[in-house]
Amino acid sequence: MSSLLIADFYLVEGDRVKATVEAMNSIDYSIASTLSGDAKVQVKPYSPSTAPIRGSLTNESQIEIIFAIITDDGGAPITTYAIEMDYENSGFTQVT
């Protein structure tokens, strides 16, 4: 199998796309492949709707961060979240 990434089509989430492939050499193009199945365009998730807040379980040894679940997932299920912290203005560091 081979993969080809082609950009700048200005597609948006939910657009439906089909593809066919032809090979070419110095003589000519091949016969086109059969048409692919219908693919739905997916994009990166949208930003959370609200800023995270400190939870009541925060104390000297732990921080509880409460954040809104992102429902605008860009058309593909969200598999994880990344949380970054800035401690004493030392710069943001990913903690999850």
PDB file of N, CA and C in Angstrom:
ATOM      1  N   MET A   1       0.835  -1.179   0.000  1.00  0.00           N
ATOM      2  CA  MET A   1       0.000   0.000   0.000  1.00  0.00           C
ATOM      3  C   MET A   1       0.881   1.244   0.000  1.00  0.00           C
ATOM      4  N   SER A   2       0.337   2.312  -0.499  1.00  0.00           N
ATOM      5  CA  SER A   2       1.031   3.581  -0.508  1.00  0.00           C
ATOM      6  C   SER A   2       0.056   4.663  -0.098  1.00  0.00           C
ATOM      7  N   SER A   3       0.582   5.745   0.424  1.00  0.00           N
ATOM      8  CA  SER A   3      -0.257   6.843   0.893  1.00  0.00           C
ATOM      9  C   SER A   3       0.232   8.132   0.264  1.00  0.00           C
ATOM     10  N   LEU A   4      -0.699   9.009  -0.087  1.00  0.00           N
ATOM     11  CA  LEU A   4      -0.355  10.295  -0.679  1.00  0.00           C
ATOM     12  C   LEU A   4      -1.212  11.352  -0.013  1.00  0.00           C
ATOM     13  N   LEU A   5      -0.575  12.390   0.494  1.00  0.00           N
ATOM     14  CA  LEU A   5      -1.297  13.484   1.129  1.00  0.00           C
ATOM     15  C   LEU A   5      -1.309  14.666   0.164  1.00  0.00           C
ATOM     16  N   ILE A   6      -2.488  15.114  -0.179  1.00  0.00           N
ATOM     17  CA  ILE A   6      -2.637  16.240  -1.098  1.00  0.00           C
ATOM     18  C   ILE A   6      -3.406  17.328  -0.360  1.00  0.00           C
ATOM     19  N   ALA A   7      -2.897  18.553  -0.403  1.00  0.00           N
ATOM     20  CA  ALA A   7      -3.486  19.621   0.403  1.00  0.00           C
ATOM     21  C   ALA A   7      -4.124  20.715  -0.459  1.00  0.00           C
ATOM     22  N   ASP A   8      -4.692  21.682   0.253  1.00  0.00           N
ATOM     23  CA  ASP A   8      -5.266  22.898  -0.326  1.00  0.00           C
ATOM     24  C   ASP A   8      -6.523  22.670  -1.145  1.00  0.00           C
ATOM     25  N   PHE A   9      -7.416  21.816  -0.663  1.00  0.00           N
ATOM     26  CA  PHE A   9      -8.702  21.631  -1.322  1.00  0.00           C
ATOM     27  C   PHE A   9      -9.811  22.441  -0.655  1.00  0.00           C
ATOM     28  N   TYR A  10      -9.517  23.024   0.514  1.00  0.00           N
ATOM     29  CA  TYR A  10     -10.489  23.831   1.248  1.00  0.00           C
ATOM     30  C   TYR A  10     -11.754  23.043   1.582  1.00  0.00           C
ATOM     31  N   LEU A  11     -11.556  21.799   1.958  1.00  0.00           N
ATOM     32  CA  LEU A  11     -12.667  20.973   2.403  1.00  0.00           C
ATOM     33  C   LEU A  11     -13.018  21.343   3.836  1.00  0.00           C
ATOM     34  N   VAL A  12     -14.235  21.085   4.234  1.00  0.00           N
ATOM     35  CA  VAL A  12     -14.657  21.345   5.602  1.00  0.00           C
ATOM     36  C   VAL A  12     -15.211  20.060   6.203  1.00  0.00           C
ATOM     37  N   GLU A  13     -15.273  20.032   7.529  1.00  0.00           N
ATOM     38  CA  GLU A  13     -15.766  18.858   8.235  1.00  0.00           C
ATOM     39  C   GLU A  13     -17.120  18.442   7.684  1.00  0.00           C
ATOM     40  N   GLY A  14     -17.246  17.162   7.416  1.00  0.00           N
ATOM     41  CA  GLY A  14     -18.504  16.615   6.932  1.00  0.00           C
ATOM     42  C   GLY A  14     -18.581  16.478   5.421  1.00  0.00           C
ATOM     43  N   ASP A  15     -17.698  17.178   4.671  1.00  0.00           N
ATOM     44  CA  ASP A  15     -17.685  16.994   3.215  1.00  0.00           C
ATOM     45  C   ASP A  15     -17.432  15.526   2.914  1.00  0.00           C
ATOM     46  N   ARG A  16     -18.032  15.036   1.842  1.00  0.00           N
ATOM     47  CA  ARG A  16     -17.840  13.654   1.448  1.00  0.00           C
ATOM     48  C   ARG A  16     -16.957  13.613   0.204  1.00  0.00           C
ATOM     49  N   VAL A  17     -15.986  12.685   0.190  1.00  0.00           N
ATOM     50  CA  VAL A  17     -14.996  12.610  -0.879  1.00  0.00           C
ATOM     51  C   VAL A  17     -14.879  11.165  -1.361  1.00  0.00           C
ATOM     52  N   LYS A  18     -14.746  11.001  -2.673  1.00  0.00           N
ATOM     53  CA  LYS A  18     -14.442   9.700  -3.277  1.00  0.00           C
ATOM     54  C   LYS A  18     -13.183   9.875  -4.123  1.00  0.00           C
ATOM     55  N   ALA A  19     -12.456   8.793  -4.367  1.00  0.00           N
ATOM     56  CA  ALA A  19     -11.224   8.900  -5.147  1.00  0.00           C
ATOM     57  C   ALA A  19     -11.071   7.702  -6.067  1.00  0.00           C
ATOM     58  N   THR A  20     -10.301   7.917  -7.107  1.00  0.00           N
ATOM     59  CA  THR A  20      -9.880   6.860  -8.015  1.00  0.00           C
ATOM     60  C   THR A  20      -8.409   7.112  -8.318  1.00  0.00           C
ATOM     61  N   VAL A  21      -7.680   6.077  -8.663  1.00  0.00           N
ATOM     62  CA  VAL A  21      -6.228   6.213  -8.881  1.00  0.00           C
ATOM     63  C   VAL A  21      -5.857   5.656 -10.253  1.00  0.00           C
ATOM     64  N   GLU A  22      -4.958   6.351 -10.914  1.00  0.00           N
ATOM     65  CA  GLU A  22      -4.340   5.861 -12.146  1.00  0.00           C
ATOM     66  C   GLU A  22      -2.831   5.905 -11.949  1.00  0.00           C
ATOM     67  N   ALA A  23      -2.130   4.965 -12.545  1.00  0.00           N
ATOM     68  CA  ALA A  23      -0.665   4.971 -12.527  1.00  0.00           C
ATOM     69  C   ALA A  23      -0.183   5.473 -13.876  1.00  0.00           C
ATOM     70  N   MET A  24       0.984   6.088 -13.895  1.00  0.00           N
ATOM     71  CA  MET A  24       1.523   6.586 -15.156  1.00  0.00           C
ATOM     72  C   MET A  24       2.993   6.213 -15.268  1.00  0.00           C
ATOM     73  N   ASN A  25       3.386   5.830 -16.436  1.00  0.00           N
ATOM     74  CA  ASN A  25       4.805   5.656 -16.728  1.00  0.00           C
ATOM     75  C   ASN A  25       5.131   6.441 -17.990  1.00  0.00           C
ATOM     76  N   SER A  26       6.297   6.229 -18.567  1.00  0.00           N
ATOM     77  CA  SER A  26       6.712   7.027 -19.727  1.00  0.00           C
ATOM     78  C   SER A  26       5.860   6.741 -20.970  1.00  0.00           C
ATOM     79  N   ILE A  27       5.072   5.692 -20.931  1.00  0.00           N
ATOM     80  CA  ILE A  27       4.259   5.332 -22.094  1.00  0.00           C
ATOM     81  C   ILE A  27       2.853   5.923 -22.007  1.00  0.00           C
ATOM     82  N   ASP A  28       2.191   5.757 -20.856  1.00  0.00           N
ATOM     83  CA  ASP A  28       0.812   6.235 -20.753  1.00  0.00           C
ATOM     84  C   ASP A  28       0.278   6.002 -19.337  1.00  0.00           C
ATOM     85  N   TYR A  29      -0.954   6.430 -19.139  1.00  0.00           N
ATOM     86  CA  TYR A  29      -1.668   6.168 -17.888  1.00  0.00           C
ATOM     87  C   TYR A  29      -2.264   4.775 -17.909  1.00  0.00           C
ATOM     88  N   SER A  30      -2.436   4.194 -16.730  1.00  0.00           N
ATOM     89  CA  SER A  30      -3.133   2.919 -16.601  1.00  0.00           C
ATOM     90  C   SER A  30      -4.640   3.160 -16.696  1.00  0.00           C
ATOM     91  N   ILE A  31      -5.371   2.099 -16.670  1.00  0.00           N
ATOM     92  CA  ILE A  31      -6.823   2.202 -16.524  1.00  0.00           C
ATOM     93  C   ILE A  31      -7.077   2.615 -15.077  1.00  0.00           C
ATOM     94  N   ALA A  32      -8.079   3.427 -14.851  1.00  0.00           N
ATOM     95  CA  ALA A  32      -8.386   3.916 -13.502  1.00  0.00           C
ATOM     96  C   ALA A  32      -8.847   2.786 -12.596  1.00  0.00           C
ATOM     97  N   SER A  33      -8.520   2.914 -11.311  1.00  0.00           N
ATOM     98  CA  SER A  33      -8.968   1.949 -10.325  1.00  0.00           C
ATOM     99  C   SER A  33     -10.477   2.075 -10.136  1.00  0.00           C
ATOM    100  N   THR A  34     -11.017   1.138  -9.424  1.00  0.00           N
ATOM    101  CA  THR A  34     -12.428   1.285  -9.067  1.00  0.00           C
ATOM    102  C   THR A  34     -12.562   2.450  -8.101  1.00  0.00           C
ATOM    103  N   LEU A  35     -13.733   3.000  -8.022  1.00  0.00           N
ATOM    104  CA  LEU A  35     -14.000   4.155  -7.176  1.00  0.00           C
ATOM    105  C   LEU A  35     -13.967   3.753  -5.705  1.00  0.00           C
ATOM    106  N   SER A  36     -13.322   4.585  -4.892  1.00  0.00           N
ATOM    107  CA  SER A  36     -13.244   4.309  -3.458  1.00  0.00           C
ATOM    108  C   SER A  36     -14.612   4.470  -2.818  1.00  0.00           C
ATOM    109  N   GLY A  37     -14.699   4.005  -1.600  1.00  0.00           N
ATOM    110  CA  GLY A  37     -15.898   4.257  -0.815  1.00  0.00           C
ATOM    111  C   GLY A  37     -15.976   5.721  -0.444  1.00  0.00           C
ATOM    112  N   ASP A  38     -17.096   6.121   0.030  1.00  0.00           N
ATOM    113  CA  ASP A  38     -17.339   7.504   0.437  1.00  0.00           C
ATOM    114  C   ASP A  38     -16.574   7.783   1.731  1.00  0.00           C
ATOM    115  N   ALA A  39     -15.714   8.804   1.737  1.00  0.00           N
ATOM    116  CA  ALA A  39     -14.961   9.184   2.936  1.00  0.00           C
ATOM    117  C   ALA A  39     -15.465  10.524   3.430  1.00  0.00           C
ATOM    118  N   LYS A  40     -15.651  10.636   4.721  1.00  0.00           N
ATOM    119  CA  LYS A  40     -16.120  11.879   5.330  1.00  0.00           C
ATOM    120  C   LYS A  40     -14.926  12.658   5.858  1.00  0.00           C
ATOM    121  N   VAL A  41     -14.829  13.940   5.494  1.00  0.00           N
ATOM    122  CA  VAL A  41     -13.714  14.779   5.921  1.00  0.00           C
ATOM    123  C   VAL A  41     -13.756  14.962   7.437  1.00  0.00           C
ATOM    124  N   GLN A  42     -12.600  14.768   8.072  1.00  0.00           N
ATOM    125  CA  GLN A  42     -12.458  14.962   9.509  1.00  0.00           C
ATOM    126  C   GLN A  42     -11.390  16.016   9.741  1.00  0.00           C
ATOM    127  N   VAL A  43     -11.568  16.825  10.774  1.00  0.00           N
ATOM    128  CA  VAL A  43     -10.630  17.896  11.100  1.00  0.00           C
ATOM    129  C   VAL A  43     -10.214  17.783  12.560  1.00  0.00           C
ATOM    130  N   LYS A  44      -9.218  18.576  12.975  1.00  0.00           N
ATOM    131  CA  LYS A  44      -8.798  18.537  14.376  1.00  0.00           C
ATOM    132  C   LYS A  44      -9.944  19.026  15.262  1.00  0.00           C
ATOM    133  N   PRO A  45      -9.980  18.570  16.517  1.00  0.00           N
ATOM    134  CA  PRO A  45     -11.061  18.986  17.412  1.00  0.00           C
ATOM    135  C   PRO A  45     -11.068  20.503  17.618  1.00  0.00           C
ATOM    136  N   TYR A  46     -12.230  21.014  17.933  1.00  0.00           N
ATOM    137  CA  TYR A  46     -12.360  22.430  18.240  1.00  0.00           C
ATOM    138  C   TYR A  46     -11.879  22.682  19.663  1.00  0.00           C
ATOM    139  N   SER A  47     -11.630  23.937  20.015  1.00  0.00           N
ATOM    140  CA  SER A  47     -11.162  24.298  21.353  1.00  0.00           C
ATOM    141  C   SER A  47     -12.263  24.068  22.385  1.00  0.00           C
ATOM    142  N   PRO A  48     -11.874  23.810  23.645  1.00  0.00           N
ATOM    143  CA  PRO A  48     -12.877  23.705  24.703  1.00  0.00           C
ATOM    144  C   PRO A  48     -13.688  24.995  24.789  1.00  0.00           C
ATOM    145  N   SER A  49     -14.945  24.865  25.192  1.00  0.00           N
ATOM    146  CA  SER A  49     -15.839  26.023  25.234  1.00  0.00           C
ATOM    147  C   SER A  49     -15.542  26.961  26.406  1.00  0.00           C
ATOM    148  N   THR A  50     -14.895  26.456  27.441  1.00  0.00           N
ATOM    149  CA  THR A  50     -14.570  27.282  28.607  1.00  0.00           C
ATOM    150  C   THR A  50     -13.161  26.968  29.096  1.00  0.00           C
ATOM    151  N   ALA A  51     -12.597  27.902  29.852  1.00  0.00           N
ATOM    152  CA  ALA A  51     -11.270  27.683  30.433  1.00  0.00           C
ATOM    153  C   ALA A  51     -11.368  26.659  31.560  1.00  0.00           C
ATOM    154  N   PRO A  52     -10.300  25.885  31.807  1.00  0.00           N
ATOM    155  CA  PRO A  52     -10.318  24.948  32.926  1.00  0.00           C
ATOM    156  C   PRO A  52     -10.353  25.706  34.253  1.00  0.00           C
ATOM    157  N   ILE A  53     -10.870  25.038  35.297  1.00  0.00           N
ATOM    158  CA  ILE A  53     -10.902  25.651  36.629  1.00  0.00           C
ATOM    159  C   ILE A  53     -10.272  24.700  37.645  1.00  0.00           C
ATOM    160  N   ARG A  54      -9.842  25.279  38.765  1.00  0.00           N
ATOM    161  CA  ARG A  54      -9.247  24.479  39.841  1.00  0.00           C
ATOM    162  C   ARG A  54     -10.374  23.810  40.620  1.00  0.00           C
ATOM    163  N   GLY A  55     -10.217  22.513  40.852  1.00  0.00           N
ATOM    164  CA  GLY A  55     -11.217  21.766  41.599  1.00  0.00           C
ATOM    165  C   GLY A  55     -10.991  21.826  43.102  1.00  0.00           C
ATOM    166  N   SER A  56     -11.989  21.447  43.855  1.00  0.00           N
ATOM    167  CA  SER A  56     -11.933  21.503  45.319  1.00  0.00           C
ATOM    168  C   SER A  56     -10.959  20.497  45.920  1.00  0.00           C
ATOM    169  N   LEU A  57     -10.503  19.506  45.156  1.00  0.00           N
ATOM    170  CA  LEU A  57      -9.549  18.519  45.668  1.00  0.00           C
ATOM    171  C   LEU A  57      -8.103  18.995  45.570  1.00  0.00           C
ATOM    172  N   THR A  58      -7.885  20.242  45.100  1.00  0.00           N
ATOM    173  CA  THR A  58      -6.537  20.791  45.007  1.00  0.00           C
ATOM    174  C   THR A  58      -6.003  21.068  46.412  1.00  0.00           C
ATOM    175  N   ASN A  59      -4.777  20.634  46.673  1.00  0.00           N
ATOM    176  CA  ASN A  59      -4.123  20.904  47.967  1.00  0.00           C
ATOM    177  C   ASN A  59      -2.617  20.999  47.744  1.00  0.00           C
ATOM    178  N   GLU A  60      -1.819  20.885  48.811  1.00  0.00           N
ATOM    179  CA  GLU A  60      -0.361  21.048  48.701  1.00  0.00           C
ATOM    180  C   GLU A  60       0.297  19.989  47.825  1.00  0.00           C
ATOM    181  N   SER A  61      -0.342  18.835  47.652  1.00  0.00           N
ATOM    182  CA  SER A  61       0.307  17.745  46.936  1.00  0.00           C
ATOM    183  C   SER A  61      -0.358  17.351  45.619  1.00  0.00           C
ATOM    184  N   GLN A  62      -1.503  17.943  45.294  1.00  0.00           N
ATOM    185  CA  GLN A  62      -2.168  17.584  44.045  1.00  0.00           C
ATOM    186  C   GLN A  62      -3.004  18.744  43.521  1.00  0.00           C
ATOM    187  N   ILE A  63      -3.258  18.703  42.234  1.00  0.00           N
ATOM    188  CA  ILE A  63      -4.089  19.710  41.588  1.00  0.00           C
ATOM    189  C   ILE A  63      -5.215  18.986  40.873  1.00  0.00           C
ATOM    190  N   GLU A  64      -6.428  19.427  41.105  1.00  0.00           N
ATOM    191  CA  GLU A  64      -7.575  18.909  40.367  1.00  0.00           C
ATOM    192  C   GLU A  64      -7.953  19.958  39.323  1.00  0.00           C
ATOM    193  N   ILE A  65      -7.985  19.538  38.072  1.00  0.00           N
ATOM    194  CA  ILE A  65      -8.348  20.435  36.978  1.00  0.00           C
ATOM    195  C   ILE A  65      -9.684  19.963  36.418  1.00  0.00           C
ATOM    196  N   ILE A  66     -10.640  20.868  36.374  1.00  0.00           N
ATOM    197  CA  ILE A  66     -11.961  20.552  35.831  1.00  0.00           C
ATOM    198  C   ILE A  66     -12.095  21.285  34.495  1.00  0.00           C
ATOM    199  N   PHE A  67     -12.478  20.536  33.460  1.00  0.00           N
ATOM    200  CA  PHE A  67     -12.611  21.157  32.142  1.00  0.00           C
ATOM    201  C   PHE A  67     -13.821  20.573  31.423  1.00  0.00           C
ATOM    202  N   ALA A  68     -14.328  21.355  30.471  1.00  0.00           N
ATOM    203  CA  ALA A  68     -15.489  20.939  29.694  1.00  0.00           C
ATOM    204  C   ALA A  68     -15.088  19.854  28.695  1.00  0.00           C
ATOM    205  N   ILE A  69     -15.928  18.846  28.574  1.00  0.00           N
ATOM    206  CA  ILE A  69     -15.721  17.817  27.570  1.00  0.00           C
ATOM    207  C   ILE A  69     -15.964  18.450  26.204  1.00  0.00           C
ATOM    208  N   ILE A  70     -15.087  18.194  25.277  1.00  0.00           N
ATOM    209  CA  ILE A  70     -15.218  18.768  23.934  1.00  0.00           C
ATOM    210  C   ILE A  70     -16.202  17.924  23.137  1.00  0.00           C
ATOM    211  N   THR A  71     -17.298  18.540  22.731  1.00  0.00           N
ATOM    212  CA  THR A  71     -18.298  17.822  21.951  1.00  0.00           C
ATOM    213  C   THR A  71     -18.087  18.026  20.455  1.00  0.00           C
ATOM    214  N   ASP A  72     -17.438  19.118  20.058  1.00  0.00           N
ATOM    215  CA  ASP A  72     -17.126  19.361  18.648  1.00  0.00           C
ATOM    216  C   ASP A  72     -15.812  18.666  18.329  1.00  0.00           C
ATOM    217  N   ASP A  73     -15.892  17.363  18.041  1.00  0.00           N
ATOM    218  CA  ASP A  73     -14.690  16.546  17.898  1.00  0.00           C
ATOM    219  C   ASP A  73     -14.087  16.543  16.498  1.00  0.00           C
ATOM    220  N   GLY A  74     -14.639  17.330  15.585  1.00  0.00           N
ATOM    221  CA  GLY A  74     -14.096  17.398  14.236  1.00  0.00           C
ATOM    222  C   GLY A  74     -14.470  16.213  13.366  1.00  0.00           C
ATOM    223  N   GLY A  75     -15.383  15.387  13.838  1.00  0.00           N
ATOM    224  CA  GLY A  75     -15.821  14.242  13.044  1.00  0.00           C
ATOM    225  C   GLY A  75     -15.119  12.944  13.363  1.00  0.00           C
ATOM    226  N   ALA A  76     -14.190  12.961  14.321  1.00  0.00           N
ATOM    227  CA  ALA A  76     -13.483  11.746  14.733  1.00  0.00           C
ATOM    228  C   ALA A  76     -13.459  11.718  16.261  1.00  0.00           C
ATOM    229  N   PRO A  77     -13.679  10.569  16.871  1.00  0.00           N
ATOM    230  CA  PRO A  77     -13.718  10.503  18.336  1.00  0.00           C
ATOM    231  C   PRO A  77     -12.426  11.014  18.977  1.00  0.00           C
ATOM    232  N   ILE A  78     -12.562  11.775  20.054  1.00  0.00           N
ATOM    233  CA  ILE A  78     -11.397  12.237  20.818  1.00  0.00           C
ATOM    234  C   ILE A  78     -10.857  11.055  21.602  1.00  0.00           C
ATOM    235  N   THR A  79      -9.553  10.821  21.509  1.00  0.00           N
ATOM    236  CA  THR A  79      -8.945   9.659  22.153  1.00  0.00           C
ATOM    237  C   THR A  79      -8.208  10.011  23.436  1.00  0.00           C
ATOM    238  N   THR A  80      -7.817  11.274  23.612  1.00  0.00           N
ATOM    239  CA  THR A  80      -7.122  11.681  24.827  1.00  0.00           C
ATOM    240  C   THR A  80      -7.115  13.202  24.927  1.00  0.00           C
ATOM    241  N   TYR A  81      -6.752  13.702  26.064  1.00  0.00           N
ATOM    242  CA  TYR A  81      -6.580  15.135  26.291  1.00  0.00           C
ATOM    243  C   TYR A  81      -5.151  15.375  26.753  1.00  0.00           C
ATOM    244  N   ALA A  82      -4.590  16.520  26.414  1.00  0.00           N
ATOM    245  CA  ALA A  82      -3.267  16.909  26.904  1.00  0.00           C
ATOM    246  C   ALA A  82      -3.444  18.125  27.805  1.00  0.00           C
ATOM    247  N   ILE A  83      -2.824  18.092  28.952  1.00  0.00           N
ATOM    248  CA  ILE A  83      -2.900  19.205  29.898  1.00  0.00           C
ATOM    249  C   ILE A  83      -1.503  19.753  30.105  1.00  0.00           C
ATOM    250  N   GLU A  84      -1.375  21.066  29.993  1.00  0.00           N
ATOM    251  CA  GLU A  84      -0.100  21.741  30.218  1.00  0.00           C
ATOM    252  C   GLU A  84      -0.250  22.680  31.404  1.00  0.00           C
ATOM    253  N   MET A  85       0.819  22.804  32.194  1.00  0.00           N
ATOM    254  CA  MET A  85       0.824  23.690  33.361  1.00  0.00           C
ATOM    255  C   MET A  85       2.011  24.625  33.308  1.00  0.00           C
ATOM    256  N   ASP A  86       1.804  25.823  33.849  1.00  0.00           N
ATOM    257  CA  ASP A  86       2.884  26.796  34.001  1.00  0.00           C
ATOM    258  C   ASP A  86       3.028  27.042  35.501  1.00  0.00           C
ATOM    259  N   TYR A  87       4.102  26.548  36.086  1.00  0.00           N
ATOM    260  CA  TYR A  87       4.336  26.688  37.521  1.00  0.00           C
ATOM    261  C   TYR A  87       5.306  27.834  37.774  1.00  0.00           C
ATOM    262  N   GLU A  88       4.866  28.837  38.507  1.00  0.00           N
ATOM    263  CA  GLU A  88       5.704  29.984  38.869  1.00  0.00           C
ATOM    264  C   GLU A  88       6.328  30.668  37.654  1.00  0.00           C
ATOM    265  N   ASN A  89       5.556  30.793  36.560  1.00  0.00           N
ATOM    266  CA  ASN A  89       6.011  31.453  35.333  1.00  0.00           C
ATOM    267  C   ASN A  89       7.284  30.835  34.747  1.00  0.00           C
ATOM    268  N   SER A  90       7.430  29.528  34.894  1.00  0.00           N
ATOM    269  CA  SER A  90       8.618  28.852  34.370  1.00  0.00           C
ATOM    270  C   SER A  90       8.403  28.333  32.946  1.00  0.00           C
ATOM    271  N   GLY A  91       7.232  28.538  32.405  1.00  0.00           N
ATOM    272  CA  GLY A  91       6.896  28.064  31.061  1.00  0.00           C
ATOM    273  C   GLY A  91       5.974  26.856  31.133  1.00  0.00           C
ATOM    274  N   PHE A  92       5.186  26.686  30.094  1.00  0.00           N
ATOM    275  CA  PHE A  92       4.222  25.588  30.086  1.00  0.00           C
ATOM    276  C   PHE A  92       4.914  24.257  29.825  1.00  0.00           C
ATOM    277  N   THR A  93       4.499  23.242  30.582  1.00  0.00           N
ATOM    278  CA  THR A  93       5.010  21.887  30.451  1.00  0.00           C
ATOM    279  C   THR A  93       3.824  20.944  30.402  1.00  0.00           C
ATOM    280  N   GLN A  94       3.854  20.010  29.475  1.00  0.00           N
ATOM    281  CA  GLN A  94       2.764  19.024  29.388  1.00  0.00           C
ATOM    282  C   GLN A  94       2.866  18.073  30.559  1.00  0.00           C
ATOM    283  N   VAL A  95       1.728  17.840  31.227  1.00  0.00           N
ATOM    284  CA  VAL A  95       1.706  16.952  32.395  1.00  0.00           C
ATOM    285  C   VAL A  95       0.922  15.673  32.146  1.00  0.00           C
ATOM    286  N   THR A  96       0.215  15.576  31.038  1.00  0.00           N
ATOM    287  CA  THR A  96      -0.494  14.342  30.709  1.00  0.00           C
ATOM    288  C   THR A  96      -0.246  13.970  29.286  1.00  0.00           C
TER     289      THR A  96
END
